[in-house]
N, C-alpha and C. Protein backbone atom coordinates (compact mmCIF):
# COMPACT_ATOMS: atom_id res chain seq x y z
N MET A 1 -70.07 -179.95 86.95
CA MET A 1 -70.42 -178.60 86.41
C MET A 1 -69.67 -178.54 85.30
N SER A 2 -70.48 -177.53 84.43
CA SER A 2 -69.82 -177.58 83.13
C SER A 2 -70.17 -175.94 82.69
N THR A 3 -69.39 -175.30 82.29
CA THR A 3 -69.13 -173.94 82.05
C THR A 3 -68.84 -173.27 81.27
N ASN A 4 -69.87 -173.16 80.43
CA ASN A 4 -69.42 -171.95 78.67
C ASN A 4 -68.59 -170.77 78.60
N VAL A 5 -67.87 -171.34 77.32
CA VAL A 5 -66.72 -170.67 78.10
C VAL A 5 -67.60 -169.09 76.58
N LEU A 6 -68.86 -169.38 76.15
CA LEU A 6 -68.90 -168.58 75.36
C LEU A 6 -69.92 -167.23 76.26
N THR A 7 -69.63 -167.33 76.96
CA THR A 7 -71.14 -166.67 77.89
C THR A 7 -69.86 -165.68 79.13
N ASN A 8 -68.68 -166.78 79.06
CA ASN A 8 -67.80 -165.69 80.16
C ASN A 8 -66.86 -164.75 79.36
N GLN A 9 -67.08 -165.11 77.82
CA GLN A 9 -66.78 -163.69 76.85
C GLN A 9 -67.68 -162.73 76.23
N ILE A 10 -68.53 -163.39 76.60
CA ILE A 10 -69.37 -162.33 76.30
C ILE A 10 -70.12 -161.44 77.71
N GLU A 11 -70.11 -162.04 79.30
CA GLU A 11 -69.83 -161.08 80.34
C GLU A 11 -68.79 -160.26 79.97
N SER A 12 -67.58 -160.44 80.00
CA SER A 12 -66.38 -160.70 80.22
C SER A 12 -66.27 -158.88 79.03
N LYS A 13 -66.77 -158.91 78.09
CA LYS A 13 -66.72 -157.99 77.08
C LYS A 13 -67.95 -157.23 77.46
N MET A 14 -69.09 -156.96 77.79
CA MET A 14 -70.18 -155.75 78.25
C MET A 14 -69.82 -155.40 79.66
N GLY A 15 -69.08 -156.25 80.12
CA GLY A 15 -68.18 -155.64 81.46
C GLY A 15 -66.96 -154.32 81.09
N VAL A 16 -66.30 -154.83 79.69
CA VAL A 16 -65.32 -153.67 79.51
C VAL A 16 -66.35 -152.13 78.83
N MET A 17 -67.22 -152.92 78.40
CA MET A 17 -67.93 -151.80 77.17
C MET A 17 -68.61 -150.58 78.56
N PHE A 18 -69.61 -151.44 79.68
CA PHE A 18 -69.76 -150.53 80.48
C PHE A 18 -68.74 -150.02 81.13
N ILE A 19 -67.46 -150.51 80.76
CA ILE A 19 -66.37 -149.92 81.85
C ILE A 19 -66.31 -148.64 81.39
N LEU A 20 -66.13 -148.75 79.95
CA LEU A 20 -65.30 -147.90 78.25
C LEU A 20 -66.79 -146.62 78.88
N LEU A 21 -67.53 -146.85 79.15
CA LEU A 21 -68.97 -145.91 78.71
C LEU A 21 -68.75 -145.02 79.67
N PHE A 22 -68.96 -145.07 81.69
CA PHE A 22 -68.50 -144.68 82.17
C PHE A 22 -67.91 -144.56 82.67
N VAL A 23 -65.91 -144.43 81.94
CA VAL A 23 -65.31 -143.22 81.72
C VAL A 23 -65.30 -142.58 80.14
N ALA A 24 -66.12 -142.79 79.98
CA ALA A 24 -66.14 -141.57 79.20
C ALA A 24 -67.26 -140.63 79.28
N PHE A 25 -68.31 -141.26 80.11
CA PHE A 25 -68.78 -140.26 80.75
C PHE A 25 -68.14 -139.45 82.07
N LEU A 26 -67.63 -140.01 82.42
CA LEU A 26 -67.00 -139.32 83.61
C LEU A 26 -66.08 -138.34 82.95
N VAL A 27 -65.27 -138.19 82.15
CA VAL A 27 -64.32 -137.25 80.99
C VAL A 27 -65.43 -136.45 80.51
N GLY A 28 -66.33 -137.38 79.33
CA GLY A 28 -67.25 -135.81 78.96
C GLY A 28 -68.08 -134.60 80.23
N PHE A 29 -67.94 -135.20 81.38
CA PHE A 29 -68.44 -134.50 82.51
C PHE A 29 -67.17 -134.35 83.02
N LEU A 30 -66.49 -134.33 82.77
CA LEU A 30 -65.00 -132.78 83.54
C LEU A 30 -64.92 -131.80 82.30
N PHE A 31 -64.96 -132.32 81.42
CA PHE A 31 -64.83 -131.28 80.37
C PHE A 31 -65.66 -129.91 80.58
N VAL A 32 -66.99 -130.17 80.51
CA VAL A 32 -68.01 -129.67 81.22
C VAL A 32 -68.06 -128.74 82.33
N VAL A 33 -67.32 -129.41 83.04
CA VAL A 33 -66.98 -128.67 84.88
C VAL A 33 -66.12 -128.21 84.50
N ILE A 34 -64.97 -127.55 83.68
CA ILE A 34 -63.81 -127.34 83.72
C ILE A 34 -64.44 -126.14 83.06
N LYS A 35 -65.05 -126.74 81.53
CA LYS A 35 -65.44 -125.36 80.62
C LYS A 35 -65.91 -124.44 81.43
N ASN A 36 -67.49 -124.47 82.45
CA ASN A 36 -68.17 -123.66 83.32
C ASN A 36 -68.07 -123.19 84.41
N PHE A 37 -66.41 -123.56 85.06
CA PHE A 37 -65.54 -123.07 85.99
C PHE A 37 -64.89 -122.14 84.99
N ASN A 38 -64.50 -122.12 84.37
CA ASN A 38 -63.49 -121.21 83.10
C ASN A 38 -64.28 -120.17 82.36
N SER A 39 -65.79 -120.43 82.14
CA SER A 39 -67.01 -119.25 82.25
C SER A 39 -66.98 -118.74 83.20
N ASP A 40 -67.23 -118.83 85.35
CA ASP A 40 -67.45 -118.65 85.74
C ASP A 40 -66.82 -117.32 85.94
N ALA A 41 -65.35 -118.32 85.77
CA ALA A 41 -64.17 -117.12 86.39
C ALA A 41 -64.32 -116.00 86.06
N LEU A 42 -64.21 -116.16 84.49
CA LEU A 42 -64.03 -115.20 83.28
C LEU A 42 -65.45 -113.85 83.40
N ALA A 43 -66.31 -114.35 84.20
CA ALA A 43 -67.56 -113.38 84.36
C ALA A 43 -67.07 -113.16 86.12
N MET A 44 -66.78 -113.20 86.64
CA MET A 44 -66.42 -113.25 88.48
C MET A 44 -65.07 -111.75 88.17
N ASP A 45 -64.17 -111.91 87.65
CA ASP A 45 -62.96 -111.53 87.10
C ASP A 45 -63.81 -110.38 86.67
N SER A 46 -65.08 -109.80 85.42
CA SER A 46 -65.11 -109.11 85.04
C SER A 46 -65.96 -108.06 85.91
N ASN A 47 -66.92 -108.82 86.39
CA ASN A 47 -67.25 -108.42 87.39
C ASN A 47 -66.47 -107.18 88.82
N GLN A 48 -65.59 -107.29 88.92
CA GLN A 48 -65.03 -107.39 90.12
C GLN A 48 -63.49 -106.34 88.76
N THR A 49 -63.77 -106.28 87.99
CA THR A 49 -62.95 -105.43 87.17
C THR A 49 -63.54 -103.75 88.10
N GLU A 50 -64.85 -103.95 87.64
CA GLU A 50 -66.04 -102.84 86.72
C GLU A 50 -66.00 -102.25 88.88
N ILE A 51 -66.25 -102.80 89.61
CA ILE A 51 -66.42 -102.16 91.00
C ILE A 51 -65.55 -101.17 91.39
N ARG A 52 -65.79 -100.37 91.58
CA ARG A 52 -65.07 -98.50 91.90
C ARG A 52 -66.12 -97.93 93.29
N THR A 53 -65.19 -97.91 94.10
CA THR A 53 -66.05 -96.47 95.56
C THR A 53 -65.82 -95.38 95.06
N ILE A 54 -66.65 -95.07 95.50
CA ILE A 54 -65.81 -93.22 95.91
C ILE A 54 -65.49 -92.95 97.36
N SER A 55 -64.21 -92.98 97.58
CA SER A 55 -64.40 -92.82 99.28
C SER A 55 -64.87 -91.57 99.50
N SER A 56 -65.24 -91.38 100.51
CA SER A 56 -66.01 -90.24 101.71
C SER A 56 -65.00 -89.08 100.82
N THR A 57 -63.64 -89.02 100.66
CA THR A 57 -63.03 -87.91 100.57
C THR A 57 -63.55 -87.20 100.11
N GLU A 58 -63.22 -88.27 98.21
CA GLU A 58 -63.56 -87.48 96.98
C GLU A 58 -64.86 -87.10 96.62
N ARG A 59 -66.00 -88.06 97.73
CA ARG A 59 -67.36 -87.62 97.49
C ARG A 59 -67.43 -85.40 97.97
N GLU A 60 -66.48 -85.79 98.86
CA GLU A 60 -66.23 -84.24 99.66
C GLU A 60 -65.66 -83.28 98.66
N LEU A 61 -64.96 -83.82 98.04
CA LEU A 61 -64.22 -83.26 96.90
C LEU A 61 -65.43 -82.88 95.98
N ILE A 62 -66.03 -83.75 95.52
CA ILE A 62 -66.66 -83.10 94.65
C ILE A 62 -68.30 -82.38 94.76
N ALA A 63 -68.30 -82.69 95.84
CA ALA A 63 -69.57 -81.66 96.23
C ALA A 63 -69.05 -79.94 96.30
N GLN A 64 -68.16 -80.22 97.09
CA GLN A 64 -67.45 -78.72 97.03
C GLN A 64 -66.97 -78.54 95.34
N TRP A 65 -66.89 -79.04 95.02
CA TRP A 65 -66.31 -78.65 93.30
C TRP A 65 -67.63 -77.92 92.72
N LEU A 66 -68.25 -79.14 92.62
CA LEU A 66 -69.70 -78.69 91.83
C LEU A 66 -70.82 -77.83 93.00
N LYS A 67 -70.69 -77.20 93.75
CA LYS A 67 -70.84 -75.76 94.73
C LYS A 67 -69.84 -74.16 93.87
N ASP A 68 -68.69 -74.23 94.26
CA ASP A 68 -68.01 -73.47 94.08
C ASP A 68 -67.72 -73.51 92.19
N ASN A 69 -68.46 -73.97 91.76
CA ASN A 69 -68.41 -74.14 90.49
C ASN A 69 -70.22 -73.58 89.70
N ASN A 70 -71.02 -73.68 90.88
CA ASN A 70 -72.18 -73.93 90.69
C ASN A 70 -72.62 -74.91 89.71
N ILE A 71 -72.77 -76.24 90.13
CA ILE A 71 -73.16 -77.44 88.94
C ILE A 71 -74.27 -77.44 89.63
N THR A 72 -75.04 -78.20 88.59
CA THR A 72 -76.02 -78.94 89.67
C THR A 72 -76.38 -80.33 88.85
N LEU A 73 -76.83 -81.31 89.87
CA LEU A 73 -76.68 -82.46 89.70
C LEU A 73 -78.15 -82.63 88.17
N PRO A 74 -78.43 -83.60 87.61
CA PRO A 74 -79.51 -83.69 87.02
C PRO A 74 -80.00 -84.68 87.31
N GLU A 75 -81.39 -84.55 87.51
CA GLU A 75 -82.72 -85.88 88.16
C GLU A 75 -82.32 -87.07 88.44
N GLY A 76 -81.85 -87.41 89.20
CA GLY A 76 -81.44 -89.41 89.08
C GLY A 76 -80.22 -89.97 89.25
N GLN A 77 -79.32 -88.14 88.72
CA GLN A 77 -77.91 -89.25 88.94
C GLN A 77 -76.83 -88.51 90.34
N GLY A 78 -76.01 -89.52 90.04
CA GLY A 78 -75.29 -89.12 91.15
C GLY A 78 -73.30 -88.67 91.00
N TYR A 79 -73.14 -89.11 91.74
CA TYR A 79 -71.43 -88.59 91.32
C TYR A 79 -70.29 -89.35 90.13
N ARG A 80 -71.22 -90.87 90.27
CA ARG A 80 -71.04 -91.82 89.08
C ARG A 80 -71.68 -90.66 87.53
N TYR A 81 -72.49 -89.98 87.14
CA TYR A 81 -72.18 -89.62 86.59
C TYR A 81 -71.75 -87.92 86.28
N ILE A 82 -71.27 -87.49 87.14
CA ILE A 82 -69.90 -86.31 87.49
C ILE A 82 -68.94 -87.18 86.77
N GLU A 83 -67.83 -88.41 87.42
CA GLU A 83 -66.94 -88.77 86.63
C GLU A 83 -66.95 -88.85 84.90
N ARG A 84 -68.13 -89.49 84.91
CA ARG A 84 -68.98 -89.91 83.72
C ARG A 84 -68.08 -88.08 82.42
N GLN A 85 -68.80 -87.67 83.63
CA GLN A 85 -68.76 -85.78 82.70
C GLN A 85 -66.99 -85.01 82.36
N TYR A 86 -66.90 -85.52 83.27
CA TYR A 86 -65.70 -84.92 84.74
C TYR A 86 -64.22 -85.90 84.15
N PRO A 87 -64.24 -86.45 83.09
CA PRO A 87 -62.94 -87.48 83.18
C PRO A 87 -61.51 -87.63 83.63
N ASP A 88 -60.76 -86.89 84.09
CA ASP A 88 -59.51 -85.71 84.30
C ASP A 88 -59.91 -84.62 85.71
N LYS A 89 -60.88 -84.87 86.24
CA LYS A 89 -61.42 -85.17 87.65
C LYS A 89 -60.74 -83.43 88.55
N PRO A 90 -61.11 -82.64 87.70
CA PRO A 90 -60.73 -81.20 87.93
C PRO A 90 -61.06 -80.86 89.49
N TRP A 91 -61.71 -81.73 90.10
CA TRP A 91 -61.88 -81.43 92.25
C TRP A 91 -60.51 -81.94 92.27
N LEU A 92 -59.99 -82.37 91.76
CA LEU A 92 -58.77 -83.67 92.52
C LEU A 92 -57.54 -81.55 92.64
N LYS A 93 -57.64 -81.45 91.57
CA LYS A 93 -56.85 -80.48 91.06
C LYS A 93 -56.62 -79.21 91.98
N ASP A 94 -57.57 -78.88 92.85
CA ASP A 94 -57.93 -77.56 93.05
C ASP A 94 -56.93 -77.97 94.70
């Protein structure tokens, strides 16, 4: 049985090419995954910094302050509106 040397060289070169293409694909995929992970992490960080809840004590203080100063809220507005209008939080100073 005779073996063709040329066939062995071609098969090994094609095998190397397939392996290199597969490695290049995996490296590219890894970079895409890392980029998406970083952008998702940035989005999650920006969303978490904007979330702030108003405690029930602060809600009561705001309600009492509004009542004492005869301030009415516009239709459809809530405590966030009051915080934007009065950033110095005068209800905490009384």
